[in-house]
């Protein structure tokens, strides 16, 4: 297999797309300069209605897509 290298992990900065009472945090790279950060925050605030914060905000979503199930045989001894 081809070596794809290591993932880069930047420090993150939190942006709240909600209110002080109903926090809806997202995270962006902290290496952005102030102008870039302001542009991203403005864009994210403008389009915050496209984010879903819970299953109740995604009507019609098939539970088989989002529910995790363990394939454990009935009667198997769990260790």
PDB file of N, CA and C in Angstrom:
ATOM      1  N   UNK A   1       0.824  -1.180   0.000  1.00  0.00           N
ATOM      2  CA  UNK A   1       0.000   0.000   0.000  1.00  0.00           C
ATOM      3  C   UNK A   1       0.870   1.245   0.000  1.00  0.00           C
ATOM      4  N   UNK A   2       0.358   2.279  -0.579  1.00  0.00           N
ATOM      5  CA  UNK A   2       1.083   3.535  -0.657  1.00  0.00           C
ATOM      6  C   UNK A   2       1.023   4.268   0.687  1.00  0.00           C
ATOM      7  N   UNK A   3       2.152   4.803   1.118  1.00  0.00           N
ATOM      8  CA  UNK A   3       2.202   5.563   2.364  1.00  0.00           C
ATOM      9  C   UNK A   3       1.636   6.957   2.097  1.00  0.00           C
ATOM     10  N   UNK A   4       0.539   7.290   2.778  1.00  0.00           N
ATOM     11  CA  UNK A   4      -0.105   8.579   2.552  1.00  0.00           C
ATOM     12  C   UNK A   4       0.335   9.635   3.557  1.00  0.00           C
ATOM     13  N   UNK A   5       1.232   9.290   4.468  1.00  0.00           N
ATOM     14  CA  UNK A   5       1.725  10.254   5.440  1.00  0.00           C
ATOM     15  C   UNK A   5       0.825  10.359   6.655  1.00  0.00           C
ATOM     16  N   UNK A   6       1.206  11.247   7.548  1.00  0.00           N
ATOM     17  CA  UNK A   6       0.450  11.428   8.774  1.00  0.00           C
ATOM     18  C   UNK A   6      -0.556  12.550   8.624  1.00  0.00           C
ATOM     19  N   UNK A   7      -1.634  12.455   9.368  1.00  0.00           N
ATOM     20  CA  UNK A   7      -2.643  13.505   9.356  1.00  0.00           C
ATOM     21  C   UNK A   7      -2.101  14.735  10.086  1.00  0.00           C
ATOM     22  N   UNK A   8      -2.442  15.889   9.585  1.00  0.00           N
ATOM     23  CA  UNK A   8      -2.072  17.131  10.243  1.00  0.00           C
ATOM     24  C   UNK A   8      -3.189  17.509  11.200  1.00  0.00           C
ATOM     25  N   UNK A   9      -2.826  17.769  12.423  1.00  0.00           N
ATOM     26  CA  UNK A   9      -3.824  18.133  13.425  1.00  0.00           C
ATOM     27  C   UNK A   9      -3.515  19.536  13.918  1.00  0.00           C
ATOM     28  N   UNK A  10      -4.337  20.481  13.500  1.00  0.00           N
ATOM     29  CA  UNK A  10      -4.181  21.870  13.923  1.00  0.00           C
ATOM     30  C   UNK A  10      -4.875  22.090  15.254  1.00  0.00           C
ATOM     31  N   UNK A  11      -4.443  23.133  15.952  1.00  0.00           N
ATOM     32  CA  UNK A  11      -5.196  23.600  17.106  1.00  0.00           C
ATOM     33  C   UNK A  11      -6.536  24.090  16.587  1.00  0.00           C
ATOM     34  N   UNK A  12      -7.569  23.994  17.405  1.00  0.00           N
ATOM     35  CA  UNK A  12      -8.900  24.374  16.969  1.00  0.00           C
ATOM     36  C   UNK A  12      -9.430  25.553  17.766  1.00  0.00           C
ATOM     37  N   UNK A  13     -10.292  26.317  17.121  1.00  0.00           N
ATOM     38  CA  UNK A  13     -10.961  27.441  17.761  1.00  0.00           C
ATOM     39  C   UNK A  13     -12.457  27.205  17.633  1.00  0.00           C
ATOM     40  N   UNK A  14     -13.179  27.418  18.720  1.00  0.00           N
ATOM     41  CA  UNK A  14     -14.612  27.165  18.748  1.00  0.00           C
ATOM     42  C   UNK A  14     -15.392  28.389  18.288  1.00  0.00           C
ATOM     43  N   UNK A  15     -16.418  28.143  17.471  1.00  0.00           N
ATOM     44  CA  UNK A  15     -17.363  29.176  17.079  1.00  0.00           C
ATOM     45  C   UNK A  15     -18.744  28.678  17.471  1.00  0.00           C
ATOM     46  N   UNK A  16     -19.493  29.487  18.201  1.00  0.00           N
ATOM     47  CA  UNK A  16     -20.836  29.117  18.635  1.00  0.00           C
ATOM     48  C   UNK A  16     -21.844  29.622  17.606  1.00  0.00           C
ATOM     49  N   UNK A  17     -22.552  28.714  16.946  1.00  0.00           N
ATOM     50  CA  UNK A  17     -23.575  29.091  15.983  1.00  0.00           C
ATOM     51  C   UNK A  17     -24.953  29.191  16.624  1.00  0.00           C
ATOM     52  N   UNK A  18     -25.016  29.010  17.929  1.00  0.00           N
ATOM     53  CA  UNK A  18     -26.282  29.100  18.654  1.00  0.00           C
ATOM     54  C   UNK A  18     -26.336  30.361  19.495  1.00  0.00           C
ATOM     55  N   UNK A  19     -26.913  30.215  20.665  1.00  0.00           N
ATOM     56  CA  UNK A  19     -27.025  31.320  21.616  1.00  0.00           C
ATOM     57  C   UNK A  19     -26.232  30.959  22.865  1.00  0.00           C
ATOM     58  N   UNK A  20     -26.214  31.861  23.833  1.00  0.00           N
ATOM     59  CA  UNK A  20     -25.515  31.540  25.082  1.00  0.00           C
ATOM     60  C   UNK A  20     -26.242  30.433  25.839  1.00  0.00           C
ATOM     61  N   UNK A  21     -27.570  30.366  25.680  1.00  0.00           N
ATOM     62  CA  UNK A  21     -28.345  29.314  26.344  1.00  0.00           C
ATOM     63  C   UNK A  21     -28.381  28.019  25.536  1.00  0.00           C
ATOM     64  N   UNK A  22     -28.411  28.138  24.226  1.00  0.00           N
ATOM     65  CA  UNK A  22     -28.460  26.973  23.338  1.00  0.00           C
ATOM     66  C   UNK A  22     -27.202  26.915  22.493  1.00  0.00           C
ATOM     67  N   UNK A  23     -26.110  26.492  23.107  1.00  0.00           N
ATOM     68  CA  UNK A  23     -24.809  26.476  22.435  1.00  0.00           C
ATOM     69  C   UNK A  23     -24.798  25.438  21.319  1.00  0.00           C
ATOM     70  N   UNK A  24     -24.313  25.844  20.158  1.00  0.00           N
ATOM     71  CA  UNK A  24     -24.149  24.944  19.013  1.00  0.00           C
ATOM     72  C   UNK A  24     -22.742  25.159  18.462  1.00  0.00           C
ATOM     73  N   UNK A  25     -21.777  24.481  19.080  1.00  0.00           N
ATOM     74  CA  UNK A  25     -20.380  24.735  18.725  1.00  0.00           C
ATOM     75  C   UNK A  25     -19.931  24.017  17.457  1.00  0.00           C
ATOM     76  N   UNK A  26     -19.088  24.693  16.714  1.00  0.00           N
ATOM     77  CA  UNK A  26     -18.333  24.081  15.629  1.00  0.00           C
ATOM     78  C   UNK A  26     -16.888  24.499  15.839  1.00  0.00           C
ATOM     79  N   UNK A  27     -15.978  23.841  15.170  1.00  0.00           N
ATOM     80  CA  UNK A  27     -14.562  24.115  15.375  1.00  0.00           C
ATOM     81  C   UNK A  27     -13.870  24.342  14.044  1.00  0.00           C
ATOM     82  N   UNK A  28     -13.026  25.367  14.013  1.00  0.00           N
ATOM     83  CA  UNK A  28     -12.241  25.695  12.822  1.00  0.00           C
ATOM     84  C   UNK A  28     -10.778  25.790  13.236  1.00  0.00           C
ATOM     85  N   UNK A  29      -9.912  25.762  12.278  1.00  0.00           N
ATOM     86  CA  UNK A  29      -8.485  25.807  12.557  1.00  0.00           C
ATOM     87  C   UNK A  29      -8.097  27.119  13.220  1.00  0.00           C
ATOM     88  N   UNK A  30      -7.293  27.040  14.258  1.00  0.00           N
ATOM     89  CA  UNK A  30      -6.822  28.226  14.968  1.00  0.00           C
ATOM     90  C   UNK A  30      -5.662  28.900  14.240  1.00  0.00           C
ATOM     91  N   UNK A  31      -5.157  28.299  13.167  1.00  0.00           N
ATOM     92  CA  UNK A  31      -4.046  28.912  12.434  1.00  0.00           C
ATOM     93  C   UNK A  31      -4.529  29.941  11.415  1.00  0.00           C
ATOM     94  N   UNK A  32      -5.851  30.102  11.296  1.00  0.00           N
ATOM     95  CA  UNK A  32      -6.377  31.120  10.394  1.00  0.00           C
ATOM     96  C   UNK A  32      -6.055  32.506  10.950  1.00  0.00           C
ATOM     97  N   UNK A  33      -5.781  33.449  10.057  1.00  0.00           N
ATOM     98  CA  UNK A  33      -5.549  34.814  10.542  1.00  0.00           C
ATOM     99  C   UNK A  33      -6.898  35.450  10.876  1.00  0.00           C
ATOM    100  N   UNK A  34      -6.874  36.631  11.471  1.00  0.00           N
ATOM    101  CA  UNK A  34      -8.101  37.268  11.946  1.00  0.00           C
ATOM    102  C   UNK A  34      -9.094  37.530  10.813  1.00  0.00           C
ATOM    103  N   UNK A  35      -8.602  37.946   9.656  1.00  0.00           N
ATOM    104  CA  UNK A  35      -9.485  38.217   8.524  1.00  0.00           C
ATOM    105  C   UNK A  35     -10.157  36.933   8.034  1.00  0.00           C
ATOM    106  N   UNK A  36      -9.377  35.856   7.908  1.00  0.00           N
ATOM    107  CA  UNK A  36      -9.935  34.574   7.479  1.00  0.00           C
ATOM    108  C   UNK A  36     -10.952  34.060   8.492  1.00  0.00           C
ATOM    109  N   UNK A  37     -10.622  34.193   9.784  1.00  0.00           N
ATOM    110  CA  UNK A  37     -11.524  33.735  10.841  1.00  0.00           C
ATOM    111  C   UNK A  37     -12.848  34.490  10.766  1.00  0.00           C
ATOM    112  N   UNK A  38     -12.791  35.794  10.550  1.00  0.00           N
ATOM    113  CA  UNK A  38     -14.007  36.604  10.455  1.00  0.00           C
ATOM    114  C   UNK A  38     -14.835  36.193   9.238  1.00  0.00           C
ATOM    115  N   UNK A  39     -14.174  35.913   8.129  1.00  0.00           N
ATOM    116  CA  UNK A  39     -14.884  35.490   6.920  1.00  0.00           C
ATOM    117  C   UNK A  39     -15.567  34.133   7.122  1.00  0.00           C
ATOM    118  N   UNK A  40     -14.845  33.198   7.731  1.00  0.00           N
ATOM    119  CA  UNK A  40     -15.437  31.881   7.992  1.00  0.00           C
ATOM    120  C   UNK A  40     -16.619  32.002   8.951  1.00  0.00           C
ATOM    121  N   UNK A  41     -16.436  32.781  10.008  1.00  0.00           N
ATOM    122  CA  UNK A  41     -17.511  32.927  10.981  1.00  0.00           C
ATOM    123  C   UNK A  41     -18.750  33.559  10.333  1.00  0.00           C
ATOM    124  N   UNK A  42     -18.558  34.572   9.503  1.00  0.00           N
ATOM    125  CA  UNK A  42     -19.676  35.200   8.809  1.00  0.00           C
ATOM    126  C   UNK A  42     -20.384  34.192   7.898  1.00  0.00           C
ATOM    127  N   UNK A  43     -19.613  33.427   7.150  1.00  0.00           N
ATOM    128  CA  UNK A  43     -20.182  32.421   6.246  1.00  0.00           C
ATOM    129  C   UNK A  43     -20.958  31.360   7.025  1.00  0.00           C
ATOM    130  N   UNK A  44     -20.357  30.860   8.101  1.00  0.00           N
ATOM    131  CA  UNK A  44     -21.010  29.820   8.894  1.00  0.00           C
ATOM    132  C   UNK A  44     -22.276  30.343   9.560  1.00  0.00           C
ATOM    133  N   UNK A  45     -22.254  31.576  10.045  1.00  0.00           N
ATOM    134  CA  UNK A  45     -23.457  32.167  10.646  1.00  0.00           C
ATOM    135  C   UNK A  45     -24.552  32.325   9.595  1.00  0.00           C
ATOM    136  N   UNK A  46     -24.175  32.713   8.383  1.00  0.00           N
ATOM    137  CA  UNK A  46     -25.133  32.903   7.301  1.00  0.00           C
ATOM    138  C   UNK A  46     -25.825  31.592   6.919  1.00  0.00           C
ATOM    139  N   UNK A  47     -25.084  30.490   6.954  1.00  0.00           N
ATOM    140  CA  UNK A  47     -25.622  29.197   6.535  1.00  0.00           C
ATOM    141  C   UNK A  47     -25.834  28.224   7.697  1.00  0.00           C
ATOM    142  N   UNK A  48     -25.981  28.734   8.921  1.00  0.00           N
ATOM    143  CA  UNK A  48     -26.115  27.848  10.084  1.00  0.00           C
ATOM    144  C   UNK A  48     -27.375  26.997  10.041  1.00  0.00           C
ATOM    145  N   UNK A  49     -28.368  27.394   9.228  1.00  0.00           N
ATOM    146  CA  UNK A  49     -29.595  26.617   9.149  1.00  0.00           C
ATOM    147  C   UNK A  49     -29.422  25.301   8.396  1.00  0.00           C
ATOM    148  N   UNK A  50     -28.291  25.075   7.744  1.00  0.00           N
ATOM    149  CA  UNK A  50     -28.078  23.818   7.030  1.00  0.00           C
ATOM    150  C   UNK A  50     -27.483  22.732   7.935  1.00  0.00           C
ATOM    151  N   UNK A  51     -27.054  23.095   9.147  1.00  0.00           N
ATOM    152  CA  UNK A  51     -26.500  22.125  10.086  1.00  0.00           C
ATOM    153  C   UNK A  51     -27.627  21.481  10.888  1.00  0.00           C
ATOM    154  N   UNK A  52     -27.511  20.188  11.139  1.00  0.00           N
ATOM    155  CA  UNK A  52     -28.464  19.479  11.990  1.00  0.00           C
ATOM    156  C   UNK A  52     -27.760  19.167  13.303  1.00  0.00           C
ATOM    157  N   UNK A  53     -28.413  19.496  14.403  1.00  0.00           N
ATOM    158  CA  UNK A  53     -27.804  19.310  15.721  1.00  0.00           C
ATOM    159  C   UNK A  53     -28.389  18.123  16.462  1.00  0.00           C
ATOM    160  N   UNK A  54     -29.372  17.490  15.873  1.00  0.00           N
ATOM    161  CA  UNK A  54     -29.975  16.312  16.488  1.00  0.00           C
ATOM    162  C   UNK A  54     -30.827  15.588  15.467  1.00  0.00           C
ATOM    163  N   UNK A  55     -31.191  14.360  15.770  1.00  0.00           N
ATOM    164  CA  UNK A  55     -31.983  13.551  14.846  1.00  0.00           C
ATOM    165  C   UNK A  55     -33.350  14.166  14.591  1.00  0.00           C
ATOM    166  N   UNK A  56     -33.886  14.886  15.592  1.00  0.00           N
ATOM    167  CA  UNK A  56     -35.205  15.501  15.422  1.00  0.00           C
ATOM    168  C   UNK A  56     -35.192  16.577  14.337  1.00  0.00           C
ATOM    169  N   UNK A  57     -34.037  17.076  13.977  1.00  0.00           N
ATOM    170  CA  UNK A  57     -33.912  18.079  12.927  1.00  0.00           C
ATOM    171  C   UNK A  57     -33.684  17.446  11.548  1.00  0.00           C
ATOM    172  N   UNK A  58     -33.749  16.125  11.480  1.00  0.00           N
ATOM    173  CA  UNK A  58     -33.532  15.413  10.217  1.00  0.00           C
ATOM    174  C   UNK A  58     -34.705  14.481   9.931  1.00  0.00           C
ATOM    175  N   UNK A  59     -35.890  15.050   9.674  1.00  0.00           N
ATOM    176  CA  UNK A  59     -37.051  14.186   9.432  1.00  0.00           C
ATOM    177  C   UNK A  59     -36.834  13.325   8.192  1.00  0.00           C
ATOM    178  N   UNK A  60     -37.325  12.114   8.270  1.00  0.00           N
ATOM    179  CA  UNK A  60     -37.216  11.201   7.142  1.00  0.00           C
ATOM    180  C   UNK A  60     -35.902  10.446   7.078  1.00  0.00           C
ATOM    181  N   UNK A  61     -35.008  10.688   8.023  1.00  0.00           N
ATOM    182  CA  UNK A  61     -33.731   9.984   8.030  1.00  0.00           C
ATOM    183  C   UNK A  61     -33.950   8.534   8.446  1.00  0.00           C
ATOM    184  N   UNK A  62     -33.474   7.619   7.641  1.00  0.00           N
ATOM    185  CA  UNK A  62     -33.632   6.196   7.912  1.00  0.00           C
ATOM    186  C   UNK A  62     -32.796   5.810   9.131  1.00  0.00           C
ATOM    187  N   UNK A  63     -33.422   5.297  10.206  1.00  0.00           N
ATOM    188  CA  UNK A  63     -32.675   4.897  11.403  1.00  0.00           C
ATOM    189  C   UNK A  63     -31.581   3.871  11.122  1.00  0.00           C
ATOM    190  N   UNK A  64     -31.729   3.073  10.063  1.00  0.00           N
ATOM    191  CA  UNK A  64     -30.692   2.097   9.724  1.00  0.00           C
ATOM    192  C   UNK A  64     -29.382   2.775   9.325  1.00  0.00           C
ATOM    193  N   UNK A  65     -29.457   4.022   8.951  1.00  0.00           N
ATOM    194  CA  UNK A  65     -28.263   4.757   8.562  1.00  0.00           C
ATOM    195  C   UNK A  65     -27.521   5.282   9.794  1.00  0.00           C
ATOM    196  N   UNK A  66     -28.255   5.654  10.835  1.00  0.00           N
ATOM    197  CA  UNK A  66     -27.639   6.335  11.972  1.00  0.00           C
ATOM    198  C   UNK A  66     -27.551   5.519  13.258  1.00  0.00           C
ATOM    199  N   UNK A  67     -28.224   4.388  13.313  1.00  0.00           N
ATOM    200  CA  UNK A  67     -28.210   3.574  14.530  1.00  0.00           C
ATOM    201  C   UNK A  67     -27.107   2.530  14.430  1.00  0.00           C
ATOM    202  N   UNK A  68     -26.262   2.504  15.442  1.00  0.00           N
ATOM    203  CA  UNK A  68     -25.161   1.535  15.480  1.00  0.00           C
ATOM    204  C   UNK A  68     -25.640   0.273  16.193  1.00  0.00           C
ATOM    205  N   UNK A  69     -25.418  -0.857  15.581  1.00  0.00           N
ATOM    206  CA  UNK A  69     -25.787  -2.141  16.184  1.00  0.00           C
ATOM    207  C   UNK A  69     -24.578  -3.061  16.183  1.00  0.00           C
ATOM    208  N   UNK A  70     -24.382  -3.759  17.277  1.00  0.00           N
ATOM    209  CA  UNK A  70     -23.314  -4.743  17.374  1.00  0.00           C
ATOM    210  C   UNK A  70     -23.834  -6.091  16.886  1.00  0.00           C
ATOM    211  N   UNK A  71     -23.077  -6.725  16.037  1.00  0.00           N
ATOM    212  CA  UNK A  71     -23.471  -8.031  15.507  1.00  0.00           C
ATOM    213  C   UNK A  71     -23.019  -9.104  16.488  1.00  0.00           C
ATOM    214  N   UNK A  72     -23.826  -9.319  17.521  1.00  0.00           N
ATOM    215  CA  UNK A  72     -23.523 -10.299  18.557  1.00  0.00           C
ATOM    216  C   UNK A  72     -24.555 -11.412  18.464  1.00  0.00           C
ATOM    217  N   UNK A  73     -24.085 -12.623  18.394  1.00  0.00           N
ATOM    218  CA  UNK A  73     -24.986 -13.770  18.320  1.00  0.00           C
ATOM    219  C   UNK A  73     -25.780 -13.897  19.621  1.00  0.00           C
ATOM    220  N   UNK A  74     -27.063 -14.216  19.478  1.00  0.00           N
ATOM    221  CA  UNK A  74     -27.897 -14.406  20.640  1.00  0.00           C
ATOM    222  C   UNK A  74     -27.356 -15.571  21.477  1.00  0.00           C
ATOM    223  N   UNK A  75     -27.244 -15.371  22.765  1.00  0.00           N
ATOM    224  CA  UNK A  75     -26.737 -16.399  23.657  1.00  0.00           C
ATOM    225  C   UNK A  75     -25.225 -16.438  23.761  1.00  0.00           C
ATOM    226  N   UNK A  76     -24.523 -15.574  23.020  1.00  0.00           N
ATOM    227  CA  UNK A  76     -23.055 -15.548  23.089  1.00  0.00           C
ATOM    228  C   UNK A  76     -22.623 -14.979  24.431  1.00  0.00           C
ATOM    229  N   UNK A  77     -21.555 -15.538  24.973  1.00  0.00           N
ATOM    230  CA  UNK A  77     -21.033 -15.054  26.256  1.00  0.00           C
ATOM    231  C   UNK A  77     -20.152 -13.817  25.968  1.00  0.00           C
ATOM    232  N   UNK A  78     -20.559 -12.713  26.567  1.00  0.00           N
ATOM    233  CA  UNK A  78     -19.812 -11.467  26.386  1.00  0.00           C
ATOM    234  C   UNK A  78     -18.605 -11.436  27.309  1.00  0.00           C
ATOM    235  N   UNK A  79     -17.493 -11.025  26.803  1.00  0.00           N
ATOM    236  CA  UNK A  79     -16.258 -10.982  27.594  1.00  0.00           C
ATOM    237  C   UNK A  79     -15.858  -9.548  27.811  1.00  0.00           C
TER     238      UNK A  79
END
